[in-house]
Amino acid sequence: MKYVIATHNAHKLIELQRILEPLGIEAVTDRDLGMKLPEVEETGTTFAENAFLKADSACKETGLPAIADDSGLVVDALDGRPGVYSARYAGGHDDADNNRKILENLKDVPKEKRSAHFVSVIACVFP
């Protein structure tokens, strides 16, 4: 069975192909299907909502089961920020800028209180 993976991240695609292949699932992208999926506005307030929005859109566009993810950094001392805004926390999509902004926001937080964790959520939607 063929599933479309709603990502432009080559590393995510490779990892999902590795996981899905033993299950008999062929993981393909929109490019493999000769099309371009529309960009999905990530309007969710949780990682799960955003992953669902992307998978649902890809499923509706292709008619295939679709898998998408959303992930990000949750910094405890920043009340969970950047969270779902991790990729664009500093206004763009630059990891170095995002890291600088996080560190700037943590400047008055002692190092021993700078705990954080990474969250990744995967959604799968079927036609």
PDB file of N, CA and C in Angstrom:
ATOM      1  N   MET A   1       0.844  -1.177   0.000  1.00  0.00           N
ATOM      2  CA  MET A   1       0.000   0.000   0.000  1.00  0.00           C
ATOM      3  C   MET A   1       0.895   1.248   0.000  1.00  0.00           C
ATOM      4  N   LYS A   2       0.433   2.277  -0.668  1.00  0.00           N
ATOM      5  CA  LYS A   2       1.181   3.525  -0.806  1.00  0.00           C
ATOM      6  C   LYS A   2       0.608   4.581   0.137  1.00  0.00           C
ATOM      7  N   TYR A   3       1.512   5.239   0.888  1.00  0.00           N
ATOM      8  CA  TYR A   3       1.137   6.358   1.765  1.00  0.00           C
ATOM      9  C   TYR A   3       1.922   7.582   1.307  1.00  0.00           C
ATOM     10  N   VAL A   4       1.289   8.732   1.311  1.00  0.00           N
ATOM     11  CA  VAL A   4       2.003   9.968   1.000  1.00  0.00           C
ATOM     12  C   VAL A   4       2.506  10.561   2.318  1.00  0.00           C
ATOM     13  N   ILE A   5       3.758  10.979   2.295  1.00  0.00           N
ATOM     14  CA  ILE A   5       4.374  11.613   3.454  1.00  0.00           C
ATOM     15  C   ILE A   5       4.382  13.116   3.190  1.00  0.00           C
ATOM     16  N   ALA A   6       3.687  13.860   4.018  1.00  0.00           N
ATOM     17  CA  ALA A   6       3.544  15.308   3.822  1.00  0.00           C
ATOM     18  C   ALA A   6       4.719  16.023   4.474  1.00  0.00           C
ATOM     19  N   THR A   7       5.858  16.006   3.775  1.00  0.00           N
ATOM     20  CA  THR A   7       7.044  16.701   4.260  1.00  0.00           C
ATOM     21  C   THR A   7       7.929  17.088   3.090  1.00  0.00           C
ATOM     22  N   HIS A   8       8.716  18.122   3.311  1.00  0.00           N
ATOM     23  CA  HIS A   8       9.756  18.490   2.344  1.00  0.00           C
ATOM     24  C   HIS A   8      11.128  18.230   2.953  1.00  0.00           C
ATOM     25  N   ASN A   9      11.140  17.603   4.126  1.00  0.00           N
ATOM     26  CA  ASN A   9      12.370  17.300   4.834  1.00  0.00           C
ATOM     27  C   ASN A   9      12.849  15.911   4.432  1.00  0.00           C
ATOM     28  N   ALA A  10      13.959  15.858   3.703  1.00  0.00           N
ATOM     29  CA  ALA A  10      14.478  14.585   3.189  1.00  0.00           C
ATOM     30  C   ALA A  10      14.824  13.617   4.313  1.00  0.00           C
ATOM     31  N   HIS A  11      15.319  14.131   5.433  1.00  0.00           N
ATOM     32  CA  HIS A  11      15.681  13.255   6.554  1.00  0.00           C
ATOM     33  C   HIS A  11      14.442  12.600   7.170  1.00  0.00           C
ATOM     34  N   LYS A  12      13.361  13.350   7.296  1.00  0.00           N
ATOM     35  CA  LYS A  12      12.119  12.782   7.825  1.00  0.00           C
ATOM     36  C   LYS A  12      11.598  11.704   6.885  1.00  0.00           C
ATOM     37  N   LEU A  13      11.665  11.971   5.593  1.00  0.00           N
ATOM     38  CA  LEU A  13      11.189  10.995   4.618  1.00  0.00           C
ATOM     39  C   LEU A  13      11.975   9.696   4.727  1.00  0.00           C
ATOM     40  N   ILE A  14      13.285   9.789   4.800  1.00  0.00           N
ATOM     41  CA  ILE A  14      14.132   8.590   4.905  1.00  0.00           C
ATOM     42  C   ILE A  14      13.784   7.808   6.169  1.00  0.00           C
ATOM     43  N   GLU A  15      13.616   8.509   7.270  1.00  0.00           N
ATOM     44  CA  GLU A  15      13.294   7.845   8.534  1.00  0.00           C
ATOM     45  C   GLU A  15      11.930   7.164   8.466  1.00  0.00           C
ATOM     46  N   LEU A  16      10.937   7.839   7.900  1.00  0.00           N
ATOM     47  CA  LEU A  16       9.618   7.224   7.784  1.00  0.00           C
ATOM     48  C   LEU A  16       9.630   6.049   6.810  1.00  0.00           C
ATOM     49  N   GLN A  17      10.389   6.144   5.739  1.00  0.00           N
ATOM     50  CA  GLN A  17      10.516   5.008   4.818  1.00  0.00           C
ATOM     51  C   GLN A  17      11.099   3.808   5.545  1.00  0.00           C
ATOM     52  N   ARG A  18      12.110   4.041   6.387  1.00  0.00           N
ATOM     53  CA  ARG A  18      12.751   2.959   7.131  1.00  0.00           C
ATOM     54  C   ARG A  18      11.751   2.294   8.086  1.00  0.00           C
ATOM     55  N   ILE A  19      10.911   3.088   8.720  1.00  0.00           N
ATOM     56  CA  ILE A  19       9.936   2.565   9.678  1.00  0.00           C
ATOM     57  C   ILE A  19       8.798   1.831   8.965  1.00  0.00           C
ATOM     58  N   LEU A  20       8.324   2.375   7.853  1.00  0.00           N
ATOM     59  CA  LEU A  20       7.129   1.855   7.188  1.00  0.00           C
ATOM     60  C   LEU A  20       7.393   0.676   6.252  1.00  0.00           C
ATOM     61  N   GLU A  21       8.586   0.603   5.675  1.00  0.00           N
ATOM     62  CA  GLU A  21       8.881  -0.463   4.707  1.00  0.00           C
ATOM     63  C   GLU A  21       8.635  -1.866   5.260  1.00  0.00           C
ATOM     64  N   PRO A  22       9.081  -2.185   6.487  1.00  0.00           N
ATOM     65  CA  PRO A  22       8.808  -3.537   7.002  1.00  0.00           C
ATOM     66  C   PRO A  22       7.325  -3.848   7.174  1.00  0.00           C
ATOM     67  N   LEU A  23       6.488  -2.819   7.187  1.00  0.00           N
ATOM     68  CA  LEU A  23       5.048  -3.001   7.309  1.00  0.00           C
ATOM     69  C   LEU A  23       4.379  -3.140   5.950  1.00  0.00           C
ATOM     70  N   GLY A  24       5.185  -3.139   4.874  1.00  0.00           N
ATOM     71  CA  GLY A  24       4.641  -3.252   3.528  1.00  0.00           C
ATOM     72  C   GLY A  24       4.068  -1.949   2.998  1.00  0.00           C
ATOM     73  N   ILE A  25       4.490  -0.833   3.580  1.00  0.00           N
ATOM     74  CA  ILE A  25       3.981   0.474   3.169  1.00  0.00           C
ATOM     75  C   ILE A  25       5.045   1.192   2.358  1.00  0.00           C
ATOM     76  N   GLU A  26       4.661   1.620   1.156  1.00  0.00           N
ATOM     77  CA  GLU A  26       5.549   2.421   0.308  1.00  0.00           C
ATOM     78  C   GLU A  26       5.313   3.891   0.621  1.00  0.00           C
ATOM     79  N   ALA A  27       6.336   4.534   1.181  1.00  0.00           N
ATOM     80  CA  ALA A  27       6.228   5.960   1.538  1.00  0.00           C
ATOM     81  C   ALA A  27       6.679   6.799   0.354  1.00  0.00           C
ATOM     82  N   VAL A  28       5.784   7.670  -0.123  1.00  0.00           N
ATOM     83  CA  VAL A  28       6.084   8.529  -1.268  1.00  0.00           C
ATOM     84  C   VAL A  28       5.805   9.988  -0.899  1.00  0.00           C
ATOM     85  N   THR A  29       6.357  10.883  -1.689  1.00  0.00           N
ATOM     86  CA  THR A  29       6.102  12.308  -1.500  1.00  0.00           C
ATOM     87  C   THR A  29       5.223  12.818  -2.634  1.00  0.00           C
ATOM     88  N   ASP A  30       4.816  14.058  -2.506  1.00  0.00           N
ATOM     89  CA  ASP A  30       4.046  14.677  -3.578  1.00  0.00           C
ATOM     90  C   ASP A  30       4.849  14.695  -4.874  1.00  0.00           C
ATOM     91  N   ARG A  31       6.163  14.917  -4.769  1.00  0.00           N
ATOM     92  CA  ARG A  31       7.012  14.933  -5.973  1.00  0.00           C
ATOM     93  C   ARG A  31       6.998  13.572  -6.668  1.00  0.00           C
ATOM     94  N   ASP A  32       7.017  12.495  -5.873  1.00  0.00           N
ATOM     95  CA  ASP A  32       6.946  11.147  -6.450  1.00  0.00           C
ATOM     96  C   ASP A  32       5.633  10.945  -7.205  1.00  0.00           C
ATOM     97  N   LEU A  33       4.610  11.643  -6.779  1.00  0.00           N
ATOM     98  CA  LEU A  33       3.286  11.541  -7.400  1.00  0.00           C
ATOM     99  C   LEU A  33       3.108  12.533  -8.544  1.00  0.00           C
ATOM    100  N   GLY A  34       4.157  13.328  -8.821  1.00  0.00           N
ATOM    101  CA  GLY A  34       4.093  14.299  -9.911  1.00  0.00           C
ATOM    102  C   GLY A  34       3.211  15.493  -9.608  1.00  0.00           C
ATOM    103  N   MET A  35       3.156  15.878  -8.351  1.00  0.00           N
ATOM    104  CA  MET A  35       2.320  17.011  -7.970  1.00  0.00           C
ATOM    105  C   MET A  35       3.009  17.801  -6.869  1.00  0.00           C
ATOM    106  N   LYS A  36       2.412  18.913  -6.491  1.00  0.00           N
ATOM    107  CA  LYS A  36       2.914  19.715  -5.378  1.00  0.00           C
ATOM    108  C   LYS A  36       1.758  19.960  -4.423  1.00  0.00           C
ATOM    109  N   LEU A  37       1.916  19.472  -3.194  1.00  0.00           N
ATOM    110  CA  LEU A  37       0.881  19.696  -2.194  1.00  0.00           C
ATOM    111  C   LEU A  37       0.869  21.167  -1.784  1.00  0.00           C
ATOM    112  N   PRO A  38      -0.301  21.702  -1.508  1.00  0.00           N
ATOM    113  CA  PRO A  38      -0.361  23.094  -1.059  1.00  0.00           C
ATOM    114  C   PRO A  38       0.259  23.221   0.338  1.00  0.00           C
ATOM    115  N   GLU A  39       0.831  24.390   0.607  1.00  0.00           N
ATOM    116  CA  GLU A  39       1.344  24.666   1.950  1.00  0.00           C
ATOM    117  C   GLU A  39       0.142  24.763   2.889  1.00  0.00           C
ATOM    118  N   VAL A  40       0.270  24.157   4.033  1.00  0.00           N
ATOM    119  CA  VAL A  40      -0.812  24.165   5.013  1.00  0.00           C
ATOM    120  C   VAL A  40      -0.472  25.164   6.101  1.00  0.00           C
ATOM    121  N   GLU A  41      -1.388  26.060   6.373  1.00  0.00           N
ATOM    122  CA  GLU A  41      -1.186  27.017   7.453  1.00  0.00           C
ATOM    123  C   GLU A  41      -1.349  26.267   8.774  1.00  0.00           C
ATOM    124  N   GLU A  42      -0.308  26.309   9.583  1.00  0.00           N
ATOM    125  CA  GLU A  42      -0.313  25.595  10.857  1.00  0.00           C
ATOM    126  C   GLU A  42      -0.998  26.459  11.911  1.00  0.00           C
ATOM    127  N   THR A  43      -2.320  26.370  11.940  1.00  0.00           N
ATOM    128  CA  THR A  43      -3.117  27.202  12.829  1.00  0.00           C
ATOM    129  C   THR A  43      -3.444  26.516  14.149  1.00  0.00           C
ATOM    130  N   GLY A  44      -3.002  25.287  14.304  1.00  0.00           N
ATOM    131  CA  GLY A  44      -3.278  24.562  15.534  1.00  0.00           C
ATOM    132  C   GLY A  44      -2.542  25.152  16.723  1.00  0.00           C
ATOM    133  N   THR A  45      -3.066  24.888  17.894  1.00  0.00           N
ATOM    134  CA  THR A  45      -2.414  25.334  19.123  1.00  0.00           C
ATOM    135  C   THR A  45      -1.612  24.218  19.770  1.00  0.00           C
ATOM    136  N   THR A  46      -1.668  23.021  19.171  1.00  0.00           N
ATOM    137  CA  THR A  46      -0.882  21.888  19.669  1.00  0.00           C
ATOM    138  C   THR A  46      -0.154  21.238  18.499  1.00  0.00           C
ATOM    139  N   PHE A  47       0.868  20.461  18.824  1.00  0.00           N
ATOM    140  CA  PHE A  47       1.590  19.718  17.796  1.00  0.00           C
ATOM    141  C   PHE A  47       0.644  18.734  17.107  1.00  0.00           C
ATOM    142  N   ALA A  48      -0.241  18.098  17.871  1.00  0.00           N
ATOM    143  CA  ALA A  48      -1.172  17.123  17.294  1.00  0.00           C
ATOM    144  C   ALA A  48      -2.111  17.786  16.289  1.00  0.00           C
ATOM    145  N   GLU A  49      -2.625  18.966  16.621  1.00  0.00           N
ATOM    146  CA  GLU A  49      -3.521  19.667  15.685  1.00  0.00           C
ATOM    147  C   GLU A  49      -2.799  20.008  14.387  1.00  0.00           C
ATOM    148  N   ASN A  50      -1.569  20.497  14.484  1.00  0.00           N
ATOM    149  CA  ASN A  50      -0.826  20.860  13.271  1.00  0.00           C
ATOM    150  C   ASN A  50      -0.471  19.634  12.437  1.00  0.00           C
ATOM    151  N   ALA A  51      -0.076  18.542  13.079  1.00  0.00           N
ATOM    152  CA  ALA A  51       0.225  17.316  12.337  1.00  0.00           C
ATOM    153  C   ALA A  51      -1.027  16.836  11.613  1.00  0.00           C
ATOM    154  N   PHE A  52      -2.173  16.877  12.291  1.00  0.00           N
ATOM    155  CA  PHE A  52      -3.426  16.469  11.658  1.00  0.00           C
ATOM    156  C   PHE A  52      -3.772  17.361  10.471  1.00  0.00           C
ATOM    157  N   LEU A  53      -3.630  18.671  10.625  1.00  0.00           N
ATOM    158  CA  LEU A  53      -3.948  19.587   9.517  1.00  0.00           C
ATOM    159  C   LEU A  53      -3.152  19.232   8.267  1.00  0.00           C
ATOM    160  N   LYS A  54      -1.867  18.947   8.432  1.00  0.00           N
ATOM    161  CA  LYS A  54      -1.011  18.627   7.280  1.00  0.00           C
ATOM    162  C   LYS A  54      -1.365  17.267   6.682  1.00  0.00           C
ATOM    163  N   ALA A  55      -1.585  16.265   7.533  1.00  0.00           N
ATOM    164  CA  ALA A  55      -1.930  14.933   7.021  1.00  0.00           C
ATOM    165  C   ALA A  55      -3.293  14.944   6.347  1.00  0.00           C
ATOM    166  N   ASP A  56      -4.252  15.642   6.941  1.00  0.00           N
ATOM    167  CA  ASP A  56      -5.593  15.713   6.371  1.00  0.00           C
ATOM    168  C   ASP A  56      -5.579  16.376   4.995  1.00  0.00           C
ATOM    169  N   SER A  57      -4.829  17.460   4.874  1.00  0.00           N
ATOM    170  CA  SER A  57      -4.722  18.146   3.588  1.00  0.00           C
ATOM    171  C   SER A  57      -4.099  17.242   2.529  1.00  0.00           C
ATOM    172  N   ALA A  58      -3.011  16.557   2.895  1.00  0.00           N
ATOM    173  CA  ALA A  58      -2.340  15.672   1.934  1.00  0.00           C
ATOM    174  C   ALA A  58      -3.250  14.522   1.516  1.00  0.00           C
ATOM    175  N   CYS A  59      -4.003  13.980   2.452  1.00  0.00           N
ATOM    176  CA  CYS A  59      -4.933  12.894   2.136  1.00  0.00           C
ATOM    177  C   CYS A  59      -6.010  13.372   1.164  1.00  0.00           C
ATOM    178  N   LYS A  60      -6.571  14.533   1.438  1.00  0.00           N
ATOM    179  CA  LYS A  60      -7.631  15.074   0.569  1.00  0.00           C
ATOM    180  C   LYS A  60      -7.098  15.394  -0.829  1.00  0.00           C
ATOM    181  N   GLU A  61      -5.874  15.890  -0.920  1.00  0.00           N
ATOM    182  CA  GLU A  61      -5.286  16.259  -2.215  1.00  0.00           C
ATOM    183  C   GLU A  61      -4.930  15.040  -3.063  1.00  0.00           C
ATOM    184  N   THR A  62      -4.471  13.961  -2.405  1.00  0.00           N
ATOM    185  CA  THR A  62      -3.957  12.803  -3.153  1.00  0.00           C
ATOM    186  C   THR A  62      -4.906  11.616  -3.200  1.00  0.00           C
ATOM    187  N   GLY A  63      -5.832  11.548  -2.246  1.00  0.00           N
ATOM    188  CA  GLY A  63      -6.702  10.383  -2.150  1.00  0.00           C
ATOM    189  C   GLY A  63      -6.007   9.185  -1.513  1.00  0.00           C
ATOM    190  N   LEU A  64      -4.797   9.389  -1.024  1.00  0.00           N
ATOM    191  CA  LEU A  64      -4.023   8.318  -0.391  1.00  0.00           C
ATOM    192  C   LEU A  64      -3.978   8.520   1.123  1.00  0.00           C
ATOM    193  N   PRO A  65      -3.738   7.433   1.864  1.00  0.00           N
ATOM    194  CA  PRO A  65      -3.433   7.632   3.278  1.00  0.00           C
ATOM    195  C   PRO A  65      -2.238   8.575   3.375  1.00  0.00           C
ATOM    196  N   ALA A  66      -2.251   9.446   4.381  1.00  0.00           N
ATOM    197  CA  ALA A  66      -1.198  10.456   4.497  1.00  0.00           C
ATOM    198  C   ALA A  66      -0.672  10.513   5.922  1.00  0.00           C
ATOM    199  N   ILE A  67       0.632  10.747   5.996  1.00  0.00           N
ATOM    200  CA  ILE A  67       1.306  10.883   7.284  1.00  0.00           C
ATOM    201  C   ILE A  67       2.010  12.233   7.298  1.00  0.00           C
ATOM    202  N   ALA A  68       1.881  12.928   8.432  1.00  0.00           N
ATOM    203  CA  ALA A  68       2.576  14.205   8.618  1.00  0.00           C
ATOM    204  C   ALA A  68       2.975  14.310  10.080  1.00  0.00           C
ATOM    205  N   ASP A  69       3.923  15.186  10.349  1.00  0.00           N
ATOM    206  CA  ASP A  69       4.353  15.381  11.724  1.00  0.00           C
ATOM    207  C   ASP A  69       4.404  16.863  12.045  1.00  0.00           C
ATOM    208  N   ASP A  70       4.467  17.133  13.317  1.00  0.00           N
ATOM    209  CA  ASP A  70       4.792  18.467  13.798  1.00  0.00           C
ATOM    210  C   ASP A  70       5.643  18.273  15.035  1.00  0.00           C
ATOM    211  N   SER A  71       6.638  19.103  15.175  1.00  0.00           N
ATOM    212  CA  SER A  71       7.566  18.930  16.286  1.00  0.00           C
ATOM    213  C   SER A  71       8.159  20.270  16.680  1.00  0.00           C
ATOM    214  N   GLY A  72       8.730  20.294  17.868  1.00  0.00           N
ATOM    215  CA  GLY A  72       9.369  21.510  18.312  1.00  0.00           C
ATOM    216  C   GLY A  72       9.929  21.404  19.707  1.00  0.00           C
ATOM    217  N   LEU A  73      10.559  22.468  20.120  1.00  0.00           N
ATOM    218  CA  LEU A  73      11.221  22.561  21.408  1.00  0.00           C
ATOM    219  C   LEU A  73      10.296  23.237  22.416  1.00  0.00           C
ATOM    220  N   VAL A  74      10.187  22.634  23.587  1.00  0.00           N
ATOM    221  CA  VAL A  74       9.375  23.165  24.676  1.00  0.00           C
ATOM    222  C   VAL A  74      10.322  23.501  25.822  1.00  0.00           C
ATOM    223  N   VAL A  75      10.475  24.790  26.105  1.00  0.00           N
ATOM    224  CA  VAL A  75      11.386  25.251  27.150  1.00  0.00           C
ATOM    225  C   VAL A  75      10.566  25.566  28.396  1.00  0.00           C
ATOM    226  N   ASP A  76      10.868  24.848  29.469  1.00  0.00           N
ATOM    227  CA  ASP A  76      10.069  24.969  30.691  1.00  0.00           C
ATOM    228  C   ASP A  76      10.077  26.387  31.258  1.00  0.00           C
ATOM    229  N   ALA A  77      11.234  27.020  31.327  1.00  0.00           N
ATOM    230  CA  ALA A  77      11.336  28.362  31.918  1.00  0.00           C
ATOM    231  C   ALA A  77      10.657  29.430  31.061  1.00  0.00           C
ATOM    232  N   LEU A  78      10.322  29.083  29.826  1.00  0.00           N
ATOM    233  CA  LEU A  78       9.625  30.021  28.932  1.00  0.00           C
ATOM    234  C   LEU A  78       8.158  29.641  28.787  1.00  0.00           C
ATOM    235  N   ASP A  79       7.620  28.957  29.785  1.00  0.00           N
ATOM    236  CA  ASP A  79       6.212  28.527  29.773  1.00  0.00           C
ATOM    237  C   ASP A  79       5.858  27.720  28.528  1.00  0.00           C
ATOM    238  N   GLY A  80       6.801  26.884  28.098  1.00  0.00           N
ATOM    239  CA  GLY A  80       6.544  26.005  26.961  1.00  0.00           C
ATOM    240  C   GLY A  80       6.908  26.567  25.602  1.00  0.00           C
ATOM    241  N   ARG A  81       7.277  27.857  25.554  1.00  0.00           N
ATOM    242  CA  ARG A  81       7.694  28.425  24.274  1.00  0.00           C
ATOM    243  C   ARG A  81       9.072  27.868  23.912  1.00  0.00           C
ATOM    244  N   PRO A  82       9.410  27.789  22.666  1.00  0.00           N
ATOM    245  CA  PRO A  82       8.629  28.217  21.502  1.00  0.00           C
ATOM    246  C   PRO A  82       7.523  27.250  21.096  1.00  0.00           C
ATOM    247  N   GLY A  83       7.554  25.994  21.534  1.00  0.00           N
ATOM    248  CA  GLY A  83       6.454  25.066  21.260  1.00  0.00           C
ATOM    249  C   GLY A  83       6.125  24.945  19.786  1.00  0.00           C
ATOM    250  N   VAL A  84       4.845  25.095  19.453  1.00  0.00           N
ATOM    251  CA  VAL A  84       4.414  24.928  18.058  1.00  0.00           C
ATOM    252  C   VAL A  84       4.991  25.998  17.136  1.00  0.00           C
ATOM    253  N   TYR A  85       5.612  27.024  17.708  1.00  0.00           N
ATOM    254  CA  TYR A  85       6.212  28.090  16.903  1.00  0.00           C
ATOM    255  C   TYR A  85       7.726  27.917  16.765  1.00  0.00           C
ATOM    256  N   SER A  86       8.251  26.745  17.105  1.00  0.00           N
ATOM    257  CA  SER A  86       9.709  26.520  17.119  1.00  0.00           C
ATOM    258  C   SER A  86      10.389  26.881  15.809  1.00  0.00           C
ATOM    259  N   ALA A  87       9.842  26.474  14.690  1.00  0.00           N
ATOM    260  CA  ALA A  87      10.496  26.696  13.396  1.00  0.00           C
ATOM    261  C   ALA A  87      10.554  28.165  13.009  1.00  0.00           C
ATOM    262  N   ARG A  88       9.614  28.952  13.503  1.00  0.00           N
ATOM    263  CA  ARG A  88       9.535  30.359  13.119  1.00  0.00           C
ATOM    264  C   ARG A  88       9.571  31.298  14.325  1.00  0.00           C
ATOM    265  N   TYR A  89      10.189  30.836  15.390  1.00  0.00           N
ATOM    266  CA  TYR A  89      10.205  31.577  16.662  1.00  0.00           C
ATOM    267  C   TYR A  89      10.816  32.969  16.521  1.00  0.00           C
ATOM    268  N   ALA A  90      11.865  33.079  15.737  1.00  0.00           N
ATOM    269  CA  ALA A  90      12.535  34.378  15.565  1.00  0.00           C
ATOM    270  C   ALA A  90      11.995  35.136  14.356  1.00  0.00           C
ATOM    271  N   GLY A  91      10.935  34.645  13.748  1.00  0.00           N
ATOM    272  CA  GLY A  91      10.316  35.353  12.639  1.00  0.00           C
ATOM    273  C   GLY A  91      10.538  34.726  11.288  1.00  0.00           C
ATOM    274  N   GLY A  92      11.534  33.872  11.159  1.00  0.00           N
ATOM    275  CA  GLY A  92      11.809  33.201   9.888  1.00  0.00           C
ATOM    276  C   GLY A  92      11.853  31.708  10.111  1.00  0.00           C
ATOM    277  N   HIS A  93      12.702  31.040   9.363  1.00  0.00           N
ATOM    278  CA  HIS A  93      12.876  29.592   9.522  1.00  0.00           C
ATOM    279  C   HIS A  93      14.356  29.278   9.708  1.00  0.00           C
ATOM    280  N   ASP A  94      15.055  30.103  10.466  1.00  0.00           N
ATOM    281  CA  ASP A  94      16.493  29.945  10.648  1.00  0.00           C
ATOM    282  C   ASP A  94      16.782  29.413  12.050  1.00  0.00           C
ATOM    283  N   ASP A  95      17.367  28.208  12.129  1.00  0.00           N
ATOM    284  CA  ASP A  95      17.640  27.590  13.425  1.00  0.00           C
ATOM    285  C   ASP A  95      18.551  28.451  14.291  1.00  0.00           C
ATOM    286  N   ALA A  96      19.581  29.043  13.700  1.00  0.00           N
ATOM    287  CA  ALA A  96      20.517  29.860  14.474  1.00  0.00           C
ATOM    288  C   ALA A  96      19.809  31.064  15.081  1.00  0.00           C
ATOM    289  N   ASP A  97      18.954  31.727  14.303  1.00  0.00           N
ATOM    290  CA  ASP A  97      18.197  32.865  14.826  1.00  0.00           C
ATOM    291  C   ASP A  97      17.242  32.427  15.943  1.00  0.00           C
ATOM    292  N   ASN A  98      16.585  31.294  15.737  1.00  0.00           N
ATOM    293  CA  ASN A  98      15.675  30.778  16.760  1.00  0.00           C
ATOM    294  C   ASN A  98      16.429  30.476  18.051  1.00  0.00           C
ATOM    295  N   ASN A  99      17.595  29.848  17.928  1.00  0.00           N
ATOM    296  CA  ASN A  99      18.404  29.533  19.114  1.00  0.00           C
ATOM    297  C   ASN A  99      18.857  30.799  19.831  1.00  0.00           C
ATOM    298  N   ARG A 100      19.265  31.807  19.065  1.00  0.00           N
ATOM    299  CA  ARG A 100      19.675  33.075  19.676  1.00  0.00           C
ATOM    300  C   ARG A 100      18.523  33.705  20.463  1.00  0.00           C
ATOM    301  N   LYS A 101      17.337  33.668  19.888  1.00  0.00           N
ATOM    302  CA  LYS A 101      16.182  34.264  20.570  1.00  0.00           C
ATOM    303  C   LYS A 101      15.865  33.499  21.856  1.00  0.00           C
ATOM    304  N   ILE A 102      15.938  32.170  21.805  1.00  0.00           N
ATOM    305  CA  ILE A 102      15.702  31.374  23.011  1.00  0.00           C
ATOM    306  C   ILE A 102      16.718  31.752  24.088  1.00  0.00           C
ATOM    307  N   LEU A 103      17.980  31.798  23.719  1.00  0.00           N
ATOM    308  CA  LEU A 103      19.016  32.135  24.695  1.00  0.00           C
ATOM    309  C   LEU A 103      18.846  33.553  25.228  1.00  0.00           C
ATOM    310  N   GLU A 104      18.448  34.474  24.387  1.00  0.00           N
ATOM    311  CA  GLU A 104      18.195  35.840  24.836  1.00  0.00           C
ATOM    312  C   GLU A 104      17.060  35.858  25.861  1.00  0.00           C
ATOM    313  N   ASN A 105      16.013  35.084  25.589  1.00  0.00           N
ATOM    314  CA  ASN A 105      14.881  35.021  26.518  1.00  0.00           C
ATOM    315  C   ASN A 105      15.231  34.303  27.822  1.00  0.00           C
ATOM    316  N   LEU A 106      16.299  33.529  27.798  1.00  0.00           N
ATOM    317  CA  LEU A 106      16.738  32.801  28.994  1.00  0.00           C
ATOM    318  C   LEU A 106      17.872  33.504  29.735  1.00  0.00           C
ATOM    319  N   LYS A 107      18.249  34.694  29.316  1.00  0.00           N
ATOM    320  CA  LYS A 107      19.439  35.354  29.867  1.00  0.00           C
ATOM    321  C   LYS A 107      19.383  35.528  31.378  1.00  0.00           C
ATOM    322  N   ASP A 108      18.206  35.713  31.958  1.00  0.00           N
ATOM    323  CA  ASP A 108      18.080  35.898  33.402  1.00  0.00           C
ATOM    324  C   ASP A 108      17.704  34.608  34.139  1.00  0.00           C
ATOM    325  N   VAL A 109      17.674  33.494  33.408  1.00  0.00           N
ATOM    326  CA  VAL A 109      17.319  32.207  34.013  1.00  0.00           C
ATOM    327  C   VAL A 109      18.606  31.451  34.320  1.00  0.00           C
ATOM    328  N   PRO A 110      18.801  31.019  35.572  1.00  0.00           N
ATOM    329  CA  PRO A 110      20.010  30.253  35.910  1.00  0.00           C
ATOM    330  C   PRO A 110      20.121  28.984  35.065  1.00  0.00           C
ATOM    331  N   LYS A 111      21.339  28.609  34.729  1.00  0.00           N
ATOM    332  CA  LYS A 111      21.561  27.452  33.845  1.00  0.00           C
ATOM    333  C   LYS A 111      20.888  26.191  34.364  1.00  0.00           C
ATOM    334  N   GLU A 112      20.871  25.992  35.676  1.00  0.00           N
ATOM    335  CA  GLU A 112      20.269  24.770  36.226  1.00  0.00           C
ATOM    336  C   GLU A 112      18.741  24.757  36.081  1.00  0.00           C
ATOM    337  N   LYS A 113      18.146  25.875  35.685  1.00  0.00           N
ATOM    338  CA  LYS A 113      16.687  25.939  35.488  1.00  0.00           C
ATOM    339  C   LYS A 113      16.314  26.028  34.013  1.00  0.00           C
ATOM    340  N   ARG A 114      17.256  25.741  33.147  1.00  0.00           N
ATOM    341  CA  ARG A 114      17.013  25.842  31.701  1.00  0.00           C
ATOM    342  C   ARG A 114      16.671  24.480  31.097  1.00  0.00           C
ATOM    343  N   SER A 115      15.690  23.828  31.652  1.00  0.00           N
ATOM    344  CA  SER A 115      15.293  22.521  31.133  1.00  0.00           C
ATOM    345  C   SER A 115      14.367  22.695  29.925  1.00  0.00           C
ATOM    346  N   ALA A 116      14.416  21.712  29.051  1.00  0.00           N
ATOM    347  CA  ALA A 116      13.581  21.724  27.855  1.00  0.00           C
ATOM    348  C   ALA A 116      13.416  20.292  27.367  1.00  0.00           C
ATOM    349  N   HIS A 117      12.453  20.097  26.507  1.00  0.00           N
ATOM    350  CA  HIS A 117      12.297  18.796  25.861  1.00  0.00           C
ATOM    351  C   HIS A 117      11.778  19.003  24.438  1.00  0.00           C
ATOM    352  N   PHE A 118      12.025  17.995  23.623  1.00  0.00           N
ATOM    353  CA  PHE A 118      11.606  18.036  22.226  1.00  0.00           C
ATOM    354  C   PHE A 118      10.359  17.185  22.085  1.00  0.00           C
ATOM    355  N   VAL A 119       9.362  17.706  21.391  1.00  0.00           N
ATOM    356  CA  VAL A 119       8.104  16.998  21.178  1.00  0.00           C
ATOM    357  C   VAL A 119       7.957  16.730  19.682  1.00  0.00           C
ATOM    358  N   SER A 120       7.552  15.522  19.355  1.00  0.00           N
ATOM    359  CA  SER A 120       7.253  15.173  17.972  1.00  0.00           C
ATOM    360  C   SER A 120       5.959  14.366  17.950  1.00  0.00           C
ATOM    361  N   VAL A 121       5.031  14.794  17.122  1.00  0.00           N
ATOM    362  CA  VAL A 121       3.744  14.128  16.997  1.00  0.00           C
ATOM    363  C   VAL A 121       3.536  13.755  15.527  1.00  0.00           C
ATOM    364  N   ILE A 122       3.072  12.545  15.306  1.00  0.00           N
ATOM    365  CA  ILE A 122       2.799  12.072  13.949  1.00  0.00           C
ATOM    366  C   ILE A 122       1.311  11.782  13.823  1.00  0.00           C
ATOM    367  N   ALA A 123       0.725  12.228  12.720  1.00  0.00           N
ATOM    368  CA  ALA A 123      -0.683  11.953  12.437  1.00  0.00           C
ATOM    369  C   ALA A 123      -0.788  11.173  11.141  1.00  0.00           C
ATOM    370  N   CYS A 124      -1.745  10.276  11.106  1.00  0.00           N
ATOM    371  CA  CYS A 124      -2.030   9.504   9.894  1.00  0.00           C
ATOM    372  C   CYS A 124      -3.512   9.634   9.612  1.00  0.00           C
ATOM    373  N   VAL A 125      -3.846  10.020   8.377  1.00  0.00           N
ATOM    374  CA  VAL A 125      -5.246  10.206   7.978  1.00  0.00           C
ATOM    375  C   VAL A 125      -5.524   9.300   6.775  1.00  0.00           C
ATOM    376  N   PHE A 126      -6.665   8.651   6.821  1.00  0.00           N
ATOM    377  CA  PHE A 126      -7.065   7.738   5.736  1.00  0.00           C
ATOM    378  C   PHE A 126      -8.229   8.336   4.952  1.00  0.00           C
ATOM    379  N   PRO A 127      -8.278   8.019   3.656  1.00  0.00           N
ATOM    380  CA  PRO A 127      -9.394   8.506   2.836  1.00  0.00           C
ATOM    381  C   PRO A 127     -10.727   7.953   3.327  1.00  0.00           C
TER     382      PRO A 127
END
